[in-house]
Amino acid sequence: MRPLDLLNLCYIWCKTYQRERKCWIFSTNRSDTTSIRVFYGYEEVPGADQKVFGGLVKLQDLQGTFANQVEQPNILYLISSALPYFPVRMAKMAKRAGAKLVLNQNGVAYPGWHGLDGKGPISQCRN
């Protein structure tokens, strides 16, 4: 890794650490434990009218039902193809705060790959 890349990564680490810590510390102090407050790992998720690709498309759809809650979330929802910076750190902070963690890891199993019965690695994950 080049020195400038490393410096940039360190800057992002430091810049995001305090914000994430604040987000999850306040989550532990919440009195409302019945509402669903989902955080997708990003300060802002692009709106449905904005063009995105990959896993962010899923977040756009989900945001219509469960708005991205940057403050006091109780669920961290990550998509494997659109991970934010430092997702492991984020997940550890969320778990310490008592939040649930959802990792959306989609796979594809189609007849040409595993036969018509659909028996393959993905079928095991369905249960």
N, C-alpha and C. Protein backbone atom coordinates (compact mmCIF):
# COMPACT_ATOMS: atom_id res chain seq x y z
N MET A 1 0.85 -1.17 0.00
CA MET A 1 0.00 0.00 0.00
C MET A 1 0.90 1.24 0.00
N ARG A 2 0.57 2.18 -0.85
CA ARG A 2 1.36 3.40 -0.95
C ARG A 2 1.13 4.28 0.29
N PRO A 3 2.13 5.06 0.67
CA PRO A 3 2.01 5.91 1.86
C PRO A 3 0.80 6.85 1.82
N LEU A 4 0.51 7.42 0.67
CA LEU A 4 -0.63 8.33 0.57
C LEU A 4 -1.96 7.59 0.77
N ASP A 5 -2.05 6.37 0.24
CA ASP A 5 -3.25 5.56 0.45
C ASP A 5 -3.41 5.21 1.92
N LEU A 6 -2.32 4.86 2.56
CA LEU A 6 -2.36 4.53 3.98
C LEU A 6 -2.76 5.74 4.82
N LEU A 7 -2.22 6.88 4.48
CA LEU A 7 -2.57 8.12 5.18
C LEU A 7 -4.06 8.43 5.01
N ASN A 8 -4.57 8.26 3.80
CA ASN A 8 -5.99 8.50 3.53
C ASN A 8 -6.86 7.53 4.33
N LEU A 9 -6.47 6.28 4.38
CA LEU A 9 -7.22 5.28 5.14
C LEU A 9 -7.22 5.62 6.64
N CYS A 10 -6.09 6.06 7.15
CA CYS A 10 -6.01 6.47 8.56
C CYS A 10 -6.92 7.66 8.82
N TYR A 11 -6.95 8.59 7.89
CA TYR A 11 -7.82 9.76 8.03
C TYR A 11 -9.29 9.33 8.09
N ILE A 12 -9.69 8.44 7.20
CA ILE A 12 -11.07 7.95 7.18
C ILE A 12 -11.38 7.20 8.48
N TRP A 13 -10.44 6.39 8.95
CA TRP A 13 -10.63 5.65 10.21
C TRP A 13 -10.92 6.62 11.35
N CYS A 14 -10.08 7.63 11.48
CA CYS A 14 -10.23 8.60 12.58
C CYS A 14 -11.50 9.43 12.43
N LYS A 15 -11.79 9.84 11.23
CA LYS A 15 -12.96 10.69 10.99
C LYS A 15 -14.26 9.95 11.29
N THR A 16 -14.33 8.69 10.95
CA THR A 16 -15.57 7.93 11.13
C THR A 16 -15.70 7.33 12.53
N TYR A 17 -14.60 7.17 13.24
CA TYR A 17 -14.65 6.51 14.54
C TYR A 17 -15.54 7.24 15.53
N GLN A 18 -15.32 8.52 15.70
CA GLN A 18 -16.09 9.29 16.69
C GLN A 18 -17.58 9.30 16.34
N ARG A 19 -17.89 9.45 15.07
CA ARG A 19 -19.28 9.48 14.65
C ARG A 19 -19.97 8.14 14.95
N GLU A 20 -19.30 7.04 14.63
CA GLU A 20 -19.88 5.72 14.89
C GLU A 20 -20.01 5.46 16.39
N ARG A 21 -19.00 5.84 17.13
CA ARG A 21 -19.03 5.64 18.58
C ARG A 21 -20.21 6.39 19.19
N LYS A 22 -20.38 7.62 18.75
CA LYS A 22 -21.50 8.44 19.24
C LYS A 22 -22.84 7.79 18.88
N CYS A 23 -22.94 7.32 17.67
CA CYS A 23 -24.17 6.67 17.19
C CYS A 23 -24.54 5.49 18.07
N TRP A 24 -23.57 4.63 18.36
CA TRP A 24 -23.87 3.40 19.09
C TRP A 24 -23.91 3.61 20.60
N ILE A 25 -23.19 4.58 21.13
CA ILE A 25 -23.28 4.86 22.57
C ILE A 25 -24.67 5.38 22.89
N PHE A 26 -25.18 6.28 22.07
CA PHE A 26 -26.52 6.80 22.31
C PHE A 26 -27.57 5.72 22.15
N SER A 27 -27.29 4.72 21.34
CA SER A 27 -28.24 3.62 21.16
C SER A 27 -28.42 2.83 22.44
N THR A 28 -27.38 2.71 23.25
CA THR A 28 -27.49 1.95 24.49
C THR A 28 -28.31 2.68 25.54
N ASN A 29 -28.45 3.99 25.38
CA ASN A 29 -29.17 4.79 26.37
C ASN A 29 -30.64 5.01 26.00
N ARG A 30 -31.10 4.38 24.95
CA ARG A 30 -32.48 4.59 24.50
C ARG A 30 -33.47 3.93 25.43
N SER A 31 -34.60 4.61 25.61
CA SER A 31 -35.66 4.01 26.43
C SER A 31 -36.68 3.28 25.55
N ASP A 32 -36.79 3.67 24.28
CA ASP A 32 -37.73 3.03 23.36
C ASP A 32 -37.07 1.80 22.74
N THR A 33 -37.49 0.64 23.17
CA THR A 33 -36.90 -0.59 22.64
C THR A 33 -37.85 -1.34 21.71
N THR A 34 -39.01 -0.77 21.42
CA THR A 34 -39.97 -1.47 20.58
C THR A 34 -39.92 -1.06 19.12
N SER A 35 -39.40 0.10 18.82
CA SER A 35 -39.39 0.56 17.43
C SER A 35 -38.23 -0.06 16.66
N ILE A 36 -38.41 -0.15 15.36
CA ILE A 36 -37.36 -0.66 14.47
C ILE A 36 -36.62 0.54 13.91
N ARG A 37 -35.34 0.61 14.23
CA ARG A 37 -34.50 1.72 13.79
C ARG A 37 -33.27 1.13 13.10
N VAL A 38 -33.30 1.14 11.78
CA VAL A 38 -32.27 0.48 10.97
C VAL A 38 -31.22 1.48 10.51
N PHE A 39 -29.97 1.08 10.65
CA PHE A 39 -28.85 1.87 10.13
C PHE A 39 -28.16 1.01 9.08
N TYR A 40 -27.96 1.58 7.88
CA TYR A 40 -27.39 0.83 6.76
C TYR A 40 -25.88 1.00 6.62
N GLY A 41 -25.26 1.70 7.58
CA GLY A 41 -23.81 1.86 7.54
C GLY A 41 -23.33 3.10 6.83
N TYR A 42 -24.26 3.89 6.33
CA TYR A 42 -23.92 5.11 5.61
C TYR A 42 -24.68 6.28 6.21
N GLU A 43 -24.03 7.44 6.25
CA GLU A 43 -24.71 8.65 6.73
C GLU A 43 -25.94 8.94 5.87
N GLU A 44 -25.78 8.79 4.58
CA GLU A 44 -26.88 9.03 3.65
C GLU A 44 -26.96 7.88 2.65
N VAL A 45 -28.17 7.43 2.42
CA VAL A 45 -28.41 6.44 1.38
C VAL A 45 -29.08 7.20 0.24
N PRO A 46 -28.57 7.07 -0.99
CA PRO A 46 -29.16 7.80 -2.11
C PRO A 46 -30.65 7.52 -2.25
N GLY A 47 -31.40 8.54 -2.59
CA GLY A 47 -32.84 8.40 -2.77
C GLY A 47 -33.18 7.56 -3.99
N ALA A 48 -34.43 7.17 -4.09
CA ALA A 48 -34.88 6.32 -5.20
C ALA A 48 -34.74 7.02 -6.55
N ASP A 49 -34.69 8.33 -6.54
CA ASP A 49 -34.56 9.09 -7.79
C ASP A 49 -33.11 9.22 -8.25
N GLN A 50 -32.17 8.76 -7.44
CA GLN A 50 -30.76 8.86 -7.79
C GLN A 50 -30.26 7.54 -8.37
N LYS A 51 -29.31 7.64 -9.27
CA LYS A 51 -28.76 6.45 -9.93
C LYS A 51 -27.64 5.85 -9.08
N VAL A 52 -27.78 4.57 -8.80
CA VAL A 52 -26.76 3.82 -8.07
C VAL A 52 -26.62 2.45 -8.72
N PHE A 53 -25.68 1.65 -8.23
CA PHE A 53 -25.50 0.30 -8.77
C PHE A 53 -25.14 -0.64 -7.63
N GLY A 54 -25.20 -1.92 -7.91
CA GLY A 54 -24.82 -2.93 -6.94
C GLY A 54 -25.75 -2.99 -5.75
N GLY A 55 -25.16 -3.25 -4.60
CA GLY A 55 -25.93 -3.42 -3.38
C GLY A 55 -26.67 -2.18 -2.92
N LEU A 56 -26.23 -1.01 -3.36
CA LEU A 56 -26.91 0.22 -2.96
C LEU A 56 -28.34 0.28 -3.49
N VAL A 57 -28.62 -0.44 -4.56
CA VAL A 57 -29.99 -0.49 -5.09
C VAL A 57 -30.92 -1.11 -4.05
N LYS A 58 -30.44 -2.16 -3.38
CA LYS A 58 -31.24 -2.79 -2.32
C LYS A 58 -31.52 -1.81 -1.19
N LEU A 59 -30.50 -1.03 -0.84
CA LEU A 59 -30.69 -0.06 0.24
C LEU A 59 -31.71 1.00 -0.14
N GLN A 60 -31.72 1.39 -1.40
CA GLN A 60 -32.73 2.35 -1.85
C GLN A 60 -34.13 1.79 -1.64
N ASP A 61 -34.32 0.53 -2.01
CA ASP A 61 -35.63 -0.10 -1.84
C ASP A 61 -36.00 -0.24 -0.37
N LEU A 62 -35.06 -0.70 0.43
CA LEU A 62 -35.32 -0.89 1.86
C LEU A 62 -35.63 0.43 2.56
N GLN A 63 -34.97 1.47 2.12
CA GLN A 63 -35.15 2.77 2.75
C GLN A 63 -36.59 3.27 2.62
N GLY A 64 -37.29 2.81 1.60
CA GLY A 64 -38.70 3.17 1.45
C GLY A 64 -39.56 2.62 2.58
N THR A 65 -39.18 1.48 3.13
CA THR A 65 -39.92 0.85 4.23
C THR A 65 -39.31 1.17 5.58
N PHE A 66 -37.99 1.06 5.67
CA PHE A 66 -37.27 1.34 6.91
C PHE A 66 -36.25 2.43 6.64
N ALA A 67 -36.56 3.64 7.04
CA ALA A 67 -35.66 4.77 6.79
C ALA A 67 -34.32 4.55 7.49
N ASN A 68 -33.26 5.06 6.88
CA ASN A 68 -31.92 4.98 7.45
C ASN A 68 -31.86 5.84 8.71
N GLN A 69 -31.62 5.23 9.84
CA GLN A 69 -31.57 5.93 11.13
C GLN A 69 -30.12 6.06 11.58
N VAL A 70 -29.57 7.24 11.43
CA VAL A 70 -28.19 7.48 11.82
C VAL A 70 -28.07 7.64 13.34
N GLU A 71 -29.13 8.10 13.96
CA GLU A 71 -29.13 8.31 15.41
C GLU A 71 -29.94 7.22 16.10
N GLN A 72 -29.36 6.64 17.10
CA GLN A 72 -29.99 5.64 17.96
C GLN A 72 -30.58 4.43 17.21
N PRO A 73 -29.82 3.82 16.31
CA PRO A 73 -30.33 2.62 15.64
C PRO A 73 -30.31 1.42 16.57
N ASN A 74 -31.16 0.44 16.27
CA ASN A 74 -31.10 -0.81 17.04
C ASN A 74 -30.86 -2.02 16.13
N ILE A 75 -30.70 -1.76 14.83
CA ILE A 75 -30.36 -2.81 13.86
C ILE A 75 -29.30 -2.24 12.92
N LEU A 76 -28.23 -3.00 12.72
CA LEU A 76 -27.23 -2.65 11.71
C LEU A 76 -27.44 -3.60 10.55
N TYR A 77 -27.79 -3.06 9.39
CA TYR A 77 -28.10 -3.87 8.21
C TYR A 77 -27.02 -3.58 7.17
N LEU A 78 -26.19 -4.57 6.89
CA LEU A 78 -25.12 -4.41 5.92
C LEU A 78 -25.35 -5.33 4.73
N ILE A 79 -24.94 -4.86 3.57
CA ILE A 79 -25.04 -5.65 2.35
C ILE A 79 -23.63 -5.95 1.87
N SER A 80 -23.33 -7.21 1.66
CA SER A 80 -21.95 -7.62 1.38
C SER A 80 -21.36 -6.95 0.14
N SER A 81 -22.18 -6.62 -0.83
CA SER A 81 -21.66 -6.01 -2.04
C SER A 81 -21.60 -4.48 -1.96
N ALA A 82 -21.97 -3.92 -0.80
CA ALA A 82 -21.91 -2.47 -0.63
C ALA A 82 -21.51 -2.13 0.81
N LEU A 83 -20.44 -2.75 1.26
CA LEU A 83 -20.01 -2.53 2.64
C LEU A 83 -19.43 -1.12 2.83
N PRO A 84 -19.72 -0.50 3.96
CA PRO A 84 -19.12 0.80 4.25
C PRO A 84 -17.66 0.60 4.68
N TYR A 85 -16.95 1.69 4.90
CA TYR A 85 -15.59 1.59 5.43
C TYR A 85 -15.64 0.93 6.81
N PHE A 86 -14.70 0.07 7.09
CA PHE A 86 -14.51 -0.57 8.40
C PHE A 86 -15.77 -1.24 8.94
N PRO A 87 -16.34 -2.16 8.19
CA PRO A 87 -17.58 -2.80 8.64
C PRO A 87 -17.42 -3.66 9.89
N VAL A 88 -16.24 -4.23 10.10
CA VAL A 88 -16.04 -5.06 11.29
C VAL A 88 -16.09 -4.20 12.54
N ARG A 89 -15.43 -3.05 12.50
CA ARG A 89 -15.47 -2.12 13.63
C ARG A 89 -16.91 -1.69 13.90
N MET A 90 -17.63 -1.38 12.83
CA MET A 90 -19.02 -0.94 12.96
C MET A 90 -19.87 -2.04 13.59
N ALA A 91 -19.68 -3.27 13.16
CA ALA A 91 -20.46 -4.39 13.70
C ALA A 91 -20.14 -4.62 15.17
N LYS A 92 -18.87 -4.51 15.53
CA LYS A 92 -18.50 -4.69 16.94
C LYS A 92 -19.13 -3.62 17.82
N MET A 93 -19.12 -2.39 17.36
CA MET A 93 -19.74 -1.30 18.13
C MET A 93 -21.25 -1.52 18.27
N ALA A 94 -21.87 -1.96 17.19
CA ALA A 94 -23.31 -2.21 17.21
C ALA A 94 -23.65 -3.33 18.19
N LYS A 95 -22.89 -4.41 18.16
CA LYS A 95 -23.14 -5.53 19.07
C LYS A 95 -22.95 -5.12 20.53
N ARG A 96 -21.90 -4.33 20.79
CA ARG A 96 -21.69 -3.84 22.16
C ARG A 96 -22.85 -2.98 22.64
N ALA A 97 -23.49 -2.29 21.71
CA ALA A 97 -24.62 -1.42 22.05
C ALA A 97 -25.92 -2.22 22.16
N GLY A 98 -25.86 -3.52 21.87
CA GLY A 98 -27.05 -4.35 21.97
C GLY A 98 -27.89 -4.40 20.71
N ALA A 99 -27.36 -3.87 19.62
CA ALA A 99 -28.10 -3.87 18.36
C ALA A 99 -28.01 -5.24 17.69
N LYS A 100 -28.98 -5.53 16.87
CA LYS A 100 -28.97 -6.76 16.07
C LYS A 100 -28.19 -6.46 14.79
N LEU A 101 -27.55 -7.48 14.27
CA LEU A 101 -26.75 -7.34 13.07
C LEU A 101 -27.34 -8.21 11.97
N VAL A 102 -27.56 -7.60 10.81
CA VAL A 102 -28.03 -8.34 9.64
C VAL A 102 -27.00 -8.15 8.54
N LEU A 103 -26.49 -9.25 8.00
CA LEU A 103 -25.58 -9.19 6.87
C LEU A 103 -26.27 -9.87 5.70
N ASN A 104 -26.65 -9.09 4.72
CA ASN A 104 -27.32 -9.59 3.54
C ASN A 104 -26.25 -10.09 2.58
N GLN A 105 -26.13 -11.39 2.47
CA GLN A 105 -25.15 -12.02 1.59
C GLN A 105 -25.92 -12.85 0.58
N ASN A 106 -26.20 -12.26 -0.54
CA ASN A 106 -26.99 -12.97 -1.55
C ASN A 106 -26.10 -13.83 -2.42
N GLY A 107 -26.66 -14.91 -2.81
CA GLY A 107 -25.98 -15.80 -3.74
C GLY A 107 -26.96 -16.23 -4.81
N VAL A 108 -26.46 -16.89 -5.80
CA VAL A 108 -27.32 -17.32 -6.90
C VAL A 108 -27.12 -18.82 -7.12
N ALA A 109 -28.20 -19.53 -7.20
CA ALA A 109 -28.14 -20.94 -7.58
C ALA A 109 -29.20 -21.14 -8.65
N TYR A 110 -28.78 -21.49 -9.81
CA TYR A 110 -29.72 -21.65 -10.92
C TYR A 110 -29.57 -23.05 -11.50
N PRO A 111 -30.60 -23.52 -12.22
CA PRO A 111 -30.61 -24.90 -12.70
C PRO A 111 -29.36 -25.31 -13.49
N GLY A 112 -28.82 -24.42 -14.29
CA GLY A 112 -27.64 -24.76 -15.07
C GLY A 112 -26.41 -25.00 -14.22
N TRP A 113 -26.44 -24.54 -13.02
CA TRP A 113 -25.30 -24.66 -12.12
C TRP A 113 -25.44 -25.86 -11.18
N HIS A 114 -26.64 -26.04 -10.61
CA HIS A 114 -26.84 -27.10 -9.62
C HIS A 114 -27.95 -28.07 -9.98
N GLY A 115 -28.41 -28.06 -11.20
CA GLY A 115 -29.48 -28.97 -11.59
C GLY A 115 -30.85 -28.44 -11.24
N LEU A 116 -31.87 -29.13 -11.72
CA LEU A 116 -33.24 -28.66 -11.57
C LEU A 116 -33.75 -28.72 -10.13
N ASP A 117 -33.18 -29.58 -9.31
CA ASP A 117 -33.69 -29.70 -7.94
C ASP A 117 -33.23 -28.55 -7.04
N GLY A 118 -32.28 -27.74 -7.49
CA GLY A 118 -31.82 -26.60 -6.69
C GLY A 118 -30.99 -26.98 -5.49
N LYS A 119 -30.56 -28.24 -5.43
CA LYS A 119 -29.74 -28.67 -4.29
C LYS A 119 -28.31 -28.18 -4.52
N GLY A 120 -27.86 -27.36 -3.66
CA GLY A 120 -26.51 -26.81 -3.76
C GLY A 120 -26.21 -25.97 -2.54
N PRO A 121 -25.12 -25.25 -2.58
CA PRO A 121 -24.73 -24.50 -1.39
C PRO A 121 -25.76 -23.47 -0.94
N ILE A 122 -26.48 -22.87 -1.87
CA ILE A 122 -27.46 -21.85 -1.50
C ILE A 122 -28.68 -22.48 -0.85
N SER A 123 -29.07 -23.67 -1.28
CA SER A 123 -30.25 -24.32 -0.69
C SER A 123 -30.04 -24.59 0.80
N GLN A 124 -28.82 -24.82 1.22
CA GLN A 124 -28.53 -25.03 2.64
C GLN A 124 -28.75 -23.75 3.43
N CYS A 125 -28.53 -22.60 2.82
CA CYS A 125 -28.70 -21.31 3.50
C CYS A 125 -30.16 -20.92 3.63
N ARG A 126 -31.01 -21.51 2.84
CA ARG A 126 -32.43 -21.15 2.88
C ARG A 126 -33.08 -21.55 4.19
N ASN A 127 -32.58 -22.56 4.82
CA ASN A 127 -33.17 -23.04 6.07
C ASN A 127 -32.62 -22.28 7.18
